[in-house]
Amino acid sequence: MSAGLTTHVLDTSREGPAEGVSVTLQRLEEDSETIASGITNDDGRLEEPLLGPEEIEPGTYELVFDVGTYYEEKPLGSTFLGEVPVRFTIDNADEHYHVPLLLSPGGYTTYRGS
């Protein structure tokens, strides 16, 4: 896979992808700025990479997942979590970074995927 940044959201309480989660990417520098956003599809992925090979550069970033709204729209009702921020560093712009989110109404985990 070419250099870039992607994400994937899986709902462990529903044993599958989390469709309809709003995702925002910010680059954290002196002035934080939103540089990409999207909503997960029926496979829990965004239609396009958050950063492509031409856009990715070293720095500190934060993905913000709006899981509160996602769970409010499900039969389970509201969730303990609202927004889930995941802060990470891209140190090699020639590599691919995949940041999955595994979530449930009361918790989450993330890791650097492949």
PDB file of N, CA and C in Angstrom:
ATOM      1  N   MET A   1       0.847  -1.179   0.000  1.00  0.00           N
ATOM      2  CA  MET A   1       0.000   0.000   0.000  1.00  0.00           C
ATOM      3  C   MET A   1       0.888   1.236   0.000  1.00  0.00           C
ATOM      4  N   SER A   2       0.497   2.253  -0.728  1.00  0.00           N
ATOM      5  CA  SER A   2       1.296   3.469  -0.818  1.00  0.00           C
ATOM      6  C   SER A   2       1.146   4.301   0.454  1.00  0.00           C
ATOM      7  N   ALA A   3       2.022   5.277   0.591  1.00  0.00           N
ATOM      8  CA  ALA A   3       2.012   6.150   1.758  1.00  0.00           C
ATOM      9  C   ALA A   3       0.662   6.843   1.880  1.00  0.00           C
ATOM     10  N   GLY A   4       0.268   7.102   3.114  1.00  0.00           N
ATOM     11  CA  GLY A   4      -0.987   7.788   3.371  1.00  0.00           C
ATOM     12  C   GLY A   4      -1.493   7.474   4.760  1.00  0.00           C
ATOM     13  N   LEU A   5      -2.709   7.938   5.043  1.00  0.00           N
ATOM     14  CA  LEU A   5      -3.351   7.718   6.334  1.00  0.00           C
ATOM     15  C   LEU A   5      -4.775   7.265   6.101  1.00  0.00           C
ATOM     16  N   THR A   6      -5.137   6.133   6.695  1.00  0.00           N
ATOM     17  CA  THR A   6      -6.501   5.614   6.619  1.00  0.00           C
ATOM     18  C   THR A   6      -6.965   5.228   8.020  1.00  0.00           C
ATOM     19  N   THR A   7      -8.267   4.988   8.145  1.00  0.00           N
ATOM     20  CA  THR A   7      -8.843   4.542   9.407  1.00  0.00           C
ATOM     21  C   THR A   7      -9.964   3.562   9.121  1.00  0.00           C
ATOM     22  N   HIS A   8     -10.391   2.890  10.173  1.00  0.00           N
ATOM     23  CA  HIS A   8     -11.443   1.876  10.080  1.00  0.00           C
ATOM     24  C   HIS A   8     -12.072   1.824  11.458  1.00  0.00           C
ATOM     25  N   VAL A   9     -13.400   1.821  11.538  1.00  0.00           N
ATOM     26  CA  VAL A   9     -14.080   1.785  12.833  1.00  0.00           C
ATOM     27  C   VAL A   9     -14.912   0.518  12.916  1.00  0.00           C
ATOM     28  N   LEU A  10     -14.638  -0.274  13.948  1.00  0.00           N
ATOM     29  CA  LEU A  10     -15.381  -1.511  14.189  1.00  0.00           C
ATOM     30  C   LEU A  10     -16.092  -1.417  15.528  1.00  0.00           C
ATOM     31  N   ASP A  11     -17.354  -1.823  15.551  1.00  0.00           N
ATOM     32  CA  ASP A  11     -18.171  -1.806  16.758  1.00  0.00           C
ATOM     33  C   ASP A  11     -18.189  -3.225  17.329  1.00  0.00           C
ATOM     34  N   THR A  12     -17.436  -3.438  18.387  1.00  0.00           N
ATOM     35  CA  THR A  12     -17.336  -4.787  18.953  1.00  0.00           C
ATOM     36  C   THR A  12     -18.648  -5.234  19.600  1.00  0.00           C
ATOM     37  N   SER A  13     -19.479  -4.310  20.018  1.00  0.00           N
ATOM     38  CA  SER A  13     -20.763  -4.693  20.616  1.00  0.00           C
ATOM     39  C   SER A  13     -21.751  -5.195  19.564  1.00  0.00           C
ATOM     40  N   ARG A  14     -21.541  -4.804  18.317  1.00  0.00           N
ATOM     41  CA  ARG A  14     -22.403  -5.241  17.223  1.00  0.00           C
ATOM     42  C   ARG A  14     -21.688  -6.240  16.311  1.00  0.00           C
ATOM     43  N   GLU A  15     -20.431  -6.548  16.668  1.00  0.00           N
ATOM     44  CA  GLU A  15     -19.622  -7.531  15.943  1.00  0.00           C
ATOM     45  C   GLU A  15     -19.485  -7.206  14.452  1.00  0.00           C
ATOM     46  N   GLY A  16     -19.217  -5.944  14.165  1.00  0.00           N
ATOM     47  CA  GLY A  16     -19.047  -5.569  12.767  1.00  0.00           C
ATOM     48  C   GLY A  16     -18.639  -4.118  12.602  1.00  0.00           C
ATOM     49  N   PRO A  17     -18.646  -3.655  11.362  1.00  0.00           N
ATOM     50  CA  PRO A  17     -18.246  -2.276  11.073  1.00  0.00           C
ATOM     51  C   PRO A  17     -19.221  -1.260  11.676  1.00  0.00           C
ATOM     52  N   ALA A  18     -18.687  -0.094  11.985  1.00  0.00           N
ATOM     53  CA  ALA A  18     -19.494   1.002  12.520  1.00  0.00           C
ATOM     54  C   ALA A  18     -19.762   1.997  11.393  1.00  0.00           C
ATOM     55  N   GLU A  19     -20.954   1.947  10.845  1.00  0.00           N
ATOM     56  CA  GLU A  19     -21.348   2.839   9.758  1.00  0.00           C
ATOM     57  C   GLU A  19     -21.886   4.147  10.323  1.00  0.00           C
ATOM     58  N   GLY A  20     -21.487   5.257   9.719  1.00  0.00           N
ATOM     59  CA  GLY A  20     -22.046   6.553  10.093  1.00  0.00           C
ATOM     60  C   GLY A  20     -21.297   7.285  11.189  1.00  0.00           C
ATOM     61  N   VAL A  21     -20.057   6.916  11.470  1.00  0.00           N
ATOM     62  CA  VAL A  21     -19.254   7.624  12.466  1.00  0.00           C
ATOM     63  C   VAL A  21     -18.541   8.787  11.791  1.00  0.00           C
ATOM     64  N   SER A  22     -18.739   9.965  12.320  1.00  0.00           N
ATOM     65  CA  SER A  22     -18.057  11.153  11.811  1.00  0.00           C
ATOM     66  C   SER A  22     -16.614  11.148  12.314  1.00  0.00           C
ATOM     67  N   VAL A  23     -15.676  11.378  11.380  1.00  0.00           N
ATOM     68  CA  VAL A  23     -14.250  11.358  11.696  1.00  0.00           C
ATOM     69  C   VAL A  23     -13.627  12.664  11.216  1.00  0.00           C
ATOM     70  N   THR A  24     -12.847  13.292  12.077  1.00  0.00           N
ATOM     71  CA  THR A  24     -12.161  14.530  11.735  1.00  0.00           C
ATOM     72  C   THR A  24     -10.672  14.348  11.996  1.00  0.00           C
ATOM     73  N   LEU A  25      -9.845  14.838  11.099  1.00  0.00           N
ATOM     74  CA  LEU A  25      -8.394  14.793  11.260  1.00  0.00           C
ATOM     75  C   LEU A  25      -7.870  16.211  11.419  1.00  0.00           C
ATOM     76  N   GLN A  26      -7.091  16.414  12.483  1.00  0.00           N
ATOM     77  CA  GLN A  26      -6.442  17.693  12.708  1.00  0.00           C
ATOM     78  C   GLN A  26      -4.936  17.501  12.729  1.00  0.00           C
ATOM     79  N   ARG A  27      -4.237  18.457  12.202  1.00  0.00           N
ATOM     80  CA  ARG A  27      -2.784  18.495  12.354  1.00  0.00           C
ATOM     81  C   ARG A  27      -2.507  19.421  13.521  1.00  0.00           C
ATOM     82  N   LEU A  28      -1.773  18.936  14.498  1.00  0.00           N
ATOM     83  CA  LEU A  28      -1.517  19.699  15.713  1.00  0.00           C
ATOM     84  C   LEU A  28      -0.151  20.372  15.615  1.00  0.00           C
ATOM     85  N   GLU A  29      -0.175  21.629  15.408  1.00  0.00           N
ATOM     86  CA  GLU A  29       1.031  22.456  15.357  1.00  0.00           C
ATOM     87  C   GLU A  29       0.766  23.655  16.247  1.00  0.00           C
ATOM     88  N   GLU A  30       1.356  24.782  15.951  1.00  0.00           N
ATOM     89  CA  GLU A  30       1.085  25.979  16.734  1.00  0.00           C
ATOM     90  C   GLU A  30      -0.398  26.319  16.677  1.00  0.00           C
ATOM     91  N   ASP A  31      -0.961  26.227  15.499  1.00  0.00           N
ATOM     92  CA  ASP A  31      -2.400  26.426  15.320  1.00  0.00           C
ATOM     93  C   ASP A  31      -2.974  25.140  14.759  1.00  0.00           C
ATOM     94  N   SER A  32      -3.790  24.463  15.554  1.00  0.00           N
ATOM     95  CA  SER A  32      -4.410  23.220  15.078  1.00  0.00           C
ATOM     96  C   SER A  32      -5.397  23.557  13.980  1.00  0.00           C
ATOM     97  N   GLU A  33      -5.386  22.727  12.959  1.00  0.00           N
ATOM     98  CA  GLU A  33      -6.330  22.952  11.878  1.00  0.00           C
ATOM     99  C   GLU A  33      -6.912  21.617  11.419  1.00  0.00           C
ATOM    100  N   THR A  34      -8.191  21.639  11.094  1.00  0.00           N
ATOM    101  CA  THR A  34      -8.821  20.453  10.533  1.00  0.00           C
ATOM    102  C   THR A  34      -8.398  20.346   9.078  1.00  0.00           C
ATOM    103  N   ILE A  35      -7.853  19.183   8.715  1.00  0.00           N
ATOM    104  CA  ILE A  35      -7.368  19.031   7.349  1.00  0.00           C
ATOM    105  C   ILE A  35      -8.148  17.984   6.559  1.00  0.00           C
ATOM    106  N   ALA A  36      -8.961  17.187   7.232  1.00  0.00           N
ATOM    107  CA  ALA A  36      -9.777  16.195   6.524  1.00  0.00           C
ATOM    108  C   ALA A  36     -10.906  15.755   7.431  1.00  0.00           C
ATOM    109  N   SER A  37     -11.983  15.284   6.812  1.00  0.00           N
ATOM    110  CA  SER A  37     -13.103  14.743   7.583  1.00  0.00           C
ATOM    111  C   SER A  37     -13.924  13.831   6.683  1.00  0.00           C
ATOM    112  N   GLY A  38     -14.733  13.030   7.303  1.00  0.00           N
ATOM    113  CA  GLY A  38     -15.601  12.139   6.554  1.00  0.00           C
ATOM    114  C   GLY A  38     -16.489  11.342   7.486  1.00  0.00           C
ATOM    115  N   ILE A  39     -17.315  10.506   6.895  1.00  0.00           N
ATOM    116  CA  ILE A  39     -18.234   9.650   7.648  1.00  0.00           C
ATOM    117  C   ILE A  39     -18.018   8.226   7.163  1.00  0.00           C
ATOM    118  N   THR A  40     -17.916   7.307   8.117  1.00  0.00           N
ATOM    119  CA  THR A  40     -17.645   5.921   7.749  1.00  0.00           C
ATOM    120  C   THR A  40     -18.795   5.323   6.954  1.00  0.00           C
ATOM    121  N   ASN A  41     -18.422   4.465   5.990  1.00  0.00           N
ATOM    122  CA  ASN A  41     -19.414   3.799   5.147  1.00  0.00           C
ATOM    123  C   ASN A  41     -19.884   2.492   5.786  1.00  0.00           C
ATOM    124  N   ASP A  42     -20.595   1.661   5.038  1.00  0.00           N
ATOM    125  CA  ASP A  42     -21.155   0.430   5.603  1.00  0.00           C
ATOM    126  C   ASP A  42     -20.084  -0.605   5.954  1.00  0.00           C
ATOM    127  N   ASP A  43     -18.839  -0.354   5.562  1.00  0.00           N
ATOM    128  CA  ASP A  43     -17.724  -1.214   5.947  1.00  0.00           C
ATOM    129  C   ASP A  43     -16.910  -0.587   7.083  1.00  0.00           C
ATOM    130  N   GLY A  44     -17.373   0.541   7.622  1.00  0.00           N
ATOM    131  CA  GLY A  44     -16.682   1.213   8.710  1.00  0.00           C
ATOM    132  C   GLY A  44     -15.466   2.007   8.275  1.00  0.00           C
ATOM    133  N   ARG A  45     -15.340   2.230   6.966  1.00  0.00           N
ATOM    134  CA  ARG A  45     -14.188   2.946   6.412  1.00  0.00           C
ATOM    135  C   ARG A  45     -14.641   4.243   5.751  1.00  0.00           C
ATOM    136  N   LEU A  46     -13.683   5.134   5.541  1.00  0.00           N
ATOM    137  CA  LEU A  46     -13.956   6.334   4.761  1.00  0.00           C
ATOM    138  C   LEU A  46     -13.755   5.995   3.294  1.00  0.00           C
ATOM    139  N   GLU A  47     -14.466   6.680   2.427  1.00  0.00           N
ATOM    140  CA  GLU A  47     -14.372   6.398   0.991  1.00  0.00           C
ATOM    141  C   GLU A  47     -12.989   6.718   0.429  1.00  0.00           C
ATOM    142  N   GLU A  48     -12.318   7.697   0.995  1.00  0.00           N
ATOM    143  CA  GLU A  48     -10.991   8.124   0.538  1.00  0.00           C
ATOM    144  C   GLU A  48     -10.041   8.151   1.721  1.00  0.00           C
ATOM    145  N   PRO A  49      -8.735   7.978   1.478  1.00  0.00           N
ATOM    146  CA  PRO A  49      -7.766   8.138   2.575  1.00  0.00           C
ATOM    147  C   PRO A  49      -7.849   9.544   3.162  1.00  0.00           C
ATOM    148  N   LEU A  50      -7.579   9.660   4.442  1.00  0.00           N
ATOM    149  CA  LEU A  50      -7.542  10.980   5.071  1.00  0.00           C
ATOM    150  C   LEU A  50      -6.378  11.809   4.543  1.00  0.00           C
ATOM    151  N   LEU A  51      -5.259  11.144   4.299  1.00  0.00           N
ATOM    152  CA  LEU A  51      -4.100  11.772   3.672  1.00  0.00           C
ATOM    153  C   LEU A  51      -3.589  10.840   2.592  1.00  0.00           C
ATOM    154  N   GLY A  52      -3.362  11.372   1.419  1.00  0.00           N
ATOM    155  CA  GLY A  52      -2.791  10.593   0.334  1.00  0.00           C
ATOM    156  C   GLY A  52      -1.280  10.758   0.292  1.00  0.00           C
ATOM    157  N   PRO A  53      -0.616  10.091  -0.638  1.00  0.00           N
ATOM    158  CA  PRO A  53       0.840  10.166  -0.730  1.00  0.00           C
ATOM    159  C   PRO A  53       1.375  11.594  -0.929  1.00  0.00           C
ATOM    160  N   GLU A  54       0.606  12.433  -1.598  1.00  0.00           N
ATOM    161  CA  GLU A  54       1.044  13.809  -1.843  1.00  0.00           C
ATOM    162  C   GLU A  54       0.824  14.710  -0.631  1.00  0.00           C
ATOM    163  N   GLU A  55      -0.062  14.313   0.283  1.00  0.00           N
ATOM    164  CA  GLU A  55      -0.456  15.180   1.399  1.00  0.00           C
ATOM    165  C   GLU A  55       0.210  14.816   2.721  1.00  0.00           C
ATOM    166  N   ILE A  56       0.640  13.583   2.865  1.00  0.00           N
ATOM    167  CA  ILE A  56       1.165  13.134   4.149  1.00  0.00           C
ATOM    168  C   ILE A  56       2.526  13.775   4.415  1.00  0.00           C
ATOM    169  N   GLU A  57       2.714  14.244   5.637  1.00  0.00           N
ATOM    170  CA  GLU A  57       4.002  14.799   6.040  1.00  0.00           C
ATOM    171  C   GLU A  57       4.198  14.573   7.529  1.00  0.00           C
ATOM    172  N   PRO A  58       5.439  14.537   7.970  1.00  0.00           N
ATOM    173  CA  PRO A  58       5.698  14.302   9.388  1.00  0.00           C
ATOM    174  C   PRO A  58       5.021  15.351  10.261  1.00  0.00           C
ATOM    175  N   GLY A  59       4.608  14.914  11.446  1.00  0.00           N
ATOM    176  CA  GLY A  59       3.974  15.820  12.396  1.00  0.00           C
ATOM    177  C   GLY A  59       3.095  15.061  13.362  1.00  0.00           C
ATOM    178  N   THR A  60       2.470  15.814  14.245  1.00  0.00           N
ATOM    179  CA  THR A  60       1.545  15.257  15.229  1.00  0.00           C
ATOM    180  C   THR A  60       0.127  15.526  14.757  1.00  0.00           C
ATOM    181  N   TYR A  61      -0.679  14.490  14.791  1.00  0.00           N
ATOM    182  CA  TYR A  61      -2.052  14.542  14.290  1.00  0.00           C
ATOM    183  C   TYR A  61      -3.016  14.031  15.350  1.00  0.00           C
ATOM    184  N   GLU A  62      -4.282  14.370  15.163  1.00  0.00           N
ATOM    185  CA  GLU A  62      -5.320  13.834  16.045  1.00  0.00           C
ATOM    186  C   GLU A  62      -6.554  13.494  15.213  1.00  0.00           C
ATOM    187  N   LEU A  63      -6.966  12.249  15.332  1.00  0.00           N
ATOM    188  CA  LEU A  63      -8.248  11.810  14.770  1.00  0.00           C
ATOM    189  C   LEU A  63      -9.290  11.948  15.866  1.00  0.00           C
ATOM    190  N   VAL A  64     -10.443  12.497  15.530  1.00  0.00           N
ATOM    191  CA  VAL A  64     -11.537  12.617  16.494  1.00  0.00           C
ATOM    192  C   VAL A  64     -12.734  11.869  15.918  1.00  0.00           C
ATOM    193  N   PHE A  65     -13.183  10.853  16.649  1.00  0.00           N
ATOM    194  CA  PHE A  65     -14.301  10.015  16.239  1.00  0.00           C
ATOM    195  C   PHE A  65     -15.528  10.412  17.068  1.00  0.00           C
ATOM    196  N   ASP A  66     -16.614  10.777  16.422  1.00  0.00           N
ATOM    197  CA  ASP A  66     -17.857  11.148  17.118  1.00  0.00           C
ATOM    198  C   ASP A  66     -18.677   9.887  17.375  1.00  0.00           C
ATOM    199  N   VAL A  67     -18.298   9.143  18.400  1.00  0.00           N
ATOM    200  CA  VAL A  67     -18.993   7.889  18.690  1.00  0.00           C
ATOM    201  C   VAL A  67     -20.262   8.120  19.503  1.00  0.00           C
ATOM    202  N   GLY A  68     -20.363   9.246  20.190  1.00  0.00           N
ATOM    203  CA  GLY A  68     -21.575   9.550  20.949  1.00  0.00           C
ATOM    204  C   GLY A  68     -22.798   9.640  20.053  1.00  0.00           C
ATOM    205  N   THR A  69     -22.685  10.376  18.964  1.00  0.00           N
ATOM    206  CA  THR A  69     -23.792  10.503  18.014  1.00  0.00           C
ATOM    207  C   THR A  69     -24.106   9.151  17.377  1.00  0.00           C
ATOM    208  N   TYR A  70     -23.058   8.400  17.044  1.00  0.00           N
ATOM    209  CA  TYR A  70     -23.237   7.059  16.463  1.00  0.00           C
ATOM    210  C   TYR A  70     -24.094   6.191  17.385  1.00  0.00           C
ATOM    211  N   TYR A  71     -23.760   6.131  18.670  1.00  0.00           N
ATOM    212  CA  TYR A  71     -24.516   5.272  19.590  1.00  0.00           C
ATOM    213  C   TYR A  71     -25.897   5.827  19.923  1.00  0.00           C
ATOM    214  N   GLU A  72     -26.051   7.126  19.927  1.00  0.00           N
ATOM    215  CA  GLU A  72     -27.383   7.698  20.178  1.00  0.00           C
ATOM    216  C   GLU A  72     -28.379   7.271  19.108  1.00  0.00           C
ATOM    217  N   GLU A  73     -27.891   6.999  17.915  1.00  0.00           N
ATOM    218  CA  GLU A  73     -28.762   6.605  16.803  1.00  0.00           C
ATOM    219  C   GLU A  73     -29.019   5.101  16.760  1.00  0.00           C
ATOM    220  N   LYS A  74     -28.400   4.344  17.657  1.00  0.00           N
ATOM    221  CA  LYS A  74     -28.567   2.886  17.701  1.00  0.00           C
ATOM    222  C   LYS A  74     -29.573   2.511  18.779  1.00  0.00           C
ATOM    223  N   PRO A  75     -30.121   1.292  18.703  1.00  0.00           N
ATOM    224  CA  PRO A  75     -31.092   0.853  19.706  1.00  0.00           C
ATOM    225  C   PRO A  75     -30.551   0.836  21.136  1.00  0.00           C
ATOM    226  N   LEU A  76     -29.235   0.798  21.304  1.00  0.00           N
ATOM    227  CA  LEU A  76     -28.655   0.787  22.643  1.00  0.00           C
ATOM    228  C   LEU A  76     -28.842   2.104  23.370  1.00  0.00           C
ATOM    229  N   GLY A  77     -29.186   3.164  22.650  1.00  0.00           N
ATOM    230  CA  GLY A  77     -29.340   4.474  23.269  1.00  0.00           C
ATOM    231  C   GLY A  77     -28.017   5.192  23.382  1.00  0.00           C
ATOM    232  N   SER A  78     -27.896   6.037  24.381  1.00  0.00           N
ATOM    233  CA  SER A  78     -26.692   6.855  24.505  1.00  0.00           C
ATOM    234  C   SER A  78     -25.496   6.020  24.963  1.00  0.00           C
ATOM    235  N   THR A  79     -24.351   6.646  24.928  1.00  0.00           N
ATOM    236  CA  THR A  79     -23.105   5.982  25.274  1.00  0.00           C
ATOM    237  C   THR A  79     -22.358   6.772  26.334  1.00  0.00           C
ATOM    238  N   PHE A  80     -21.506   6.107  27.005  1.00  0.00           N
ATOM    239  CA  PHE A  80     -20.611   6.735  27.971  1.00  0.00           C
ATOM    240  C   PHE A  80     -19.646   7.684  27.268  1.00  0.00           C
ATOM    241  N   LEU A  81     -19.252   7.328  26.064  1.00  0.00           N
ATOM    242  CA  LEU A  81     -18.285   8.108  25.299  1.00  0.00           C
ATOM    243  C   LEU A  81     -18.969   9.117  24.385  1.00  0.00           C
ATOM    244  N   GLY A  82     -18.357  10.267  24.229  1.00  0.00           N
ATOM    245  CA  GLY A  82     -18.830  11.264  23.271  1.00  0.00           C
ATOM    246  C   GLY A  82     -17.917  11.269  22.067  1.00  0.00           C
ATOM    247  N   GLU A  83     -16.838  12.016  22.179  1.00  0.00           N
ATOM    248  CA  GLU A  83     -15.820  12.022  21.137  1.00  0.00           C
ATOM    249  C   GLU A  83     -14.605  11.239  21.626  1.00  0.00           C
ATOM    250  N   VAL A  84     -14.024  10.476  20.725  1.00  0.00           N
ATOM    251  CA  VAL A  84     -12.807   9.730  21.036  1.00  0.00           C
ATOM    252  C   VAL A  84     -11.659  10.353  20.260  1.00  0.00           C
ATOM    253  N   PRO A  85     -10.728  11.009  20.968  1.00  0.00           N
ATOM    254  CA  PRO A  85      -9.557  11.566  20.283  1.00  0.00           C
ATOM    255  C   PRO A  85      -8.411  10.556  20.288  1.00  0.00           C
ATOM    256  N   VAL A  86      -7.744  10.427  19.161  1.00  0.00           N
ATOM    257  CA  VAL A  86      -6.575   9.558  19.055  1.00  0.00           C
ATOM    258  C   VAL A  86      -5.439  10.405  18.505  1.00  0.00           C
ATOM    259  N   ARG A  87      -4.454  10.680  19.360  1.00  0.00           N
ATOM    260  CA  ARG A  87      -3.312  11.511  18.973  1.00  0.00           C
ATOM    261  C   ARG A  87      -2.133  10.602  18.626  1.00  0.00           C
ATOM    262  N   PHE A  88      -1.467  10.900  17.520  1.00  0.00           N
ATOM    263  CA  PHE A  88      -0.365  10.062  17.058  1.00  0.00           C
ATOM    264  C   PHE A  88       0.613  10.903  16.251  1.00  0.00           C
ATOM    265  N   THR A  89       1.788  10.323  16.007  1.00  0.00           N
ATOM    266  CA  THR A  89       2.843  11.013  15.278  1.00  0.00           C
ATOM    267  C   THR A  89       3.169  10.266  13.991  1.00  0.00           C
ATOM    268  N   ILE A  90       3.244  11.008  12.922  1.00  0.00           N
ATOM    269  CA  ILE A  90       3.741  10.478  11.656  1.00  0.00           C
ATOM    270  C   ILE A  90       5.191  10.934  11.563  1.00  0.00           C
ATOM    271  N   ASP A  91       6.109   9.977  11.558  1.00  0.00           N
ATOM    272  CA  ASP A  91       7.512  10.349  11.492  1.00  0.00           C
ATOM    273  C   ASP A  91       8.158  10.006  10.159  1.00  0.00           C
ATOM    274  N   ASN A  92       7.475   9.199   9.339  1.00  0.00           N
ATOM    275  CA  ASN A  92       8.026   8.830   8.035  1.00  0.00           C
ATOM    276  C   ASN A  92       6.927   8.967   6.985  1.00  0.00           C
ATOM    277  N   ALA A  93       7.000  10.003   6.182  1.00  0.00           N
ATOM    278  CA  ALA A  93       5.955  10.286   5.190  1.00  0.00           C
ATOM    279  C   ALA A  93       5.961   9.297   4.030  1.00  0.00           C
ATOM    280  N   ASP A  94       6.937   8.392   3.998  1.00  0.00           N
ATOM    281  CA  ASP A  94       6.980   7.378   2.947  1.00  0.00           C
ATOM    282  C   ASP A  94       6.231   6.104   3.334  1.00  0.00           C
ATOM    283  N   GLU A  95       5.734   6.046   4.562  1.00  0.00           N
ATOM    284  CA  GLU A  95       5.024   4.860   5.042  1.00  0.00           C
ATOM    285  C   GLU A  95       3.512   5.083   5.042  1.00  0.00           C
ATOM    286  N   HIS A  96       2.787   3.966   5.106  1.00  0.00           N
ATOM    287  CA  HIS A  96       1.331   4.028   5.251  1.00  0.00           C
ATOM    288  C   HIS A  96       0.990   3.915   6.737  1.00  0.00           C
ATOM    289  N   TYR A  97       0.082   4.748   7.189  1.00  0.00           N
ATOM    290  CA  TYR A  97      -0.392   4.718   8.566  1.00  0.00           C
ATOM    291  C   TYR A  97      -1.879   4.379   8.534  1.00  0.00           C
ATOM    292  N   HIS A  98      -2.255   3.324   9.254  1.00  0.00           N
ATOM    293  CA  HIS A  98      -3.652   2.925   9.371  1.00  0.00           C
ATOM    294  C   HIS A  98      -3.977   2.929  10.855  1.00  0.00           C
ATOM    295  N   VAL A  99      -5.005   3.692  11.246  1.00  0.00           N
ATOM    296  CA  VAL A  99      -5.362   3.856  12.655  1.00  0.00           C
ATOM    297  C   VAL A  99      -6.789   3.368  12.858  1.00  0.00           C
ATOM    298  N   PRO A 100      -6.966   2.069  13.171  1.00  0.00           N
ATOM    299  CA  PRO A 100      -8.303   1.546  13.414  1.00  0.00           C
ATOM    300  C   PRO A 100      -8.802   1.916  14.817  1.00  0.00           C
ATOM    301  N   LEU A 101     -10.109   1.974  14.953  1.00  0.00           N
ATOM    302  CA  LEU A 101     -10.746   2.186  16.251  1.00  0.00           C
ATOM    303  C   LEU A 101     -11.705   1.034  16.484  1.00  0.00           C
ATOM    304  N   LEU A 102     -11.503   0.320  17.584  1.00  0.00           N
ATOM    305  CA  LEU A 102     -12.430  -0.727  18.009  1.00  0.00           C
ATOM    306  C   LEU A 102     -13.221  -0.143  19.166  1.00  0.00           C
ATOM    307  N   LEU A 103     -14.538  -0.094  19.031  1.00  0.00           N
ATOM    308  CA  LEU A 103     -15.307   0.587  20.065  1.00  0.00           C
ATOM    309  C   LEU A 103     -16.473  -0.234  20.565  1.00  0.00           C
ATOM    310  N   SER A 104     -16.922   0.140  21.745  1.00  0.00           N
ATOM    311  CA  SER A 104     -18.133  -0.388  22.356  1.00  0.00           C
ATOM    312  C   SER A 104     -18.759   0.778  23.120  1.00  0.00           C
ATOM    313  N   PRO A 105     -19.977   0.661  23.632  1.00  0.00           N
ATOM    314  CA  PRO A 105     -20.584   1.798  24.304  1.00  0.00           C
ATOM    315  C   PRO A 105     -19.791   2.307  25.508  1.00  0.00           C
ATOM    316  N   GLY A 106     -18.956   1.462  26.106  1.00  0.00           N
ATOM    317  CA  GLY A 106     -18.247   1.881  27.302  1.00  0.00           C
ATOM    318  C   GLY A 106     -16.743   1.946  27.192  1.00  0.00           C
ATOM    319  N   GLY A 107     -16.186   1.731  26.012  1.00  0.00           N
ATOM    320  CA  GLY A 107     -14.738   1.761  25.897  1.00  0.00           C
ATOM    321  C   GLY A 107     -14.276   1.642  24.461  1.00  0.00           C
ATOM    322  N   TYR A 108     -12.962   1.781  24.280  1.00  0.00           N
ATOM    323  CA  TYR A 108     -12.387   1.679  22.946  1.00  0.00           C
ATOM    324  C   TYR A 108     -10.926   1.294  23.043  1.00  0.00           C
ATOM    325  N   THR A 109     -10.376   0.862  21.931  1.00  0.00           N
ATOM    326  CA  THR A 109      -8.956   0.617  21.787  1.00  0.00           C
ATOM    327  C   THR A 109      -8.541   0.988  20.378  1.00  0.00           C
ATOM    328  N   THR A 110      -7.274   1.267  20.204  1.00  0.00           N
ATOM    329  CA  THR A 110      -6.737   1.604  18.896  1.00  0.00           C
ATOM    330  C   THR A 110      -5.315   1.092  18.809  1.00  0.00           C
ATOM    331  N   TYR A 111      -4.802   1.063  17.605  1.00  0.00           N
ATOM    332  CA  TYR A 111      -3.438   0.587  17.374  1.00  0.00           C
ATOM    333  C   TYR A 111      -3.007   1.045  15.988  1.00  0.00           C
ATOM    334  N   ARG A 112      -1.734   0.899  15.695  1.00  0.00           N
ATOM    335  CA  ARG A 112      -1.276   1.180  14.337  1.00  0.00           C
ATOM    336  C   ARG A 112      -1.434  -0.101  13.535  1.00  0.00           C
ATOM    337  N   GLY A 113      -2.349  -0.079  12.604  1.00  0.00           N
ATOM    338  CA  GLY A 113      -2.624  -1.249  11.783  1.00  0.00           C
ATOM    339  C   GLY A 113      -1.765  -1.281  10.543  1.00  0.00           C
ATOM    340  N   SER A 114      -2.139  -2.157   9.643  1.00  0.00           N
ATOM    341  CA  SER A 114      -1.372  -2.295   8.409  1.00  0.00           C
ATOM    342  C   SER A 114      -2.239  -1.937   7.209  1.00  0.00           C
TER     343      SER A 114
END
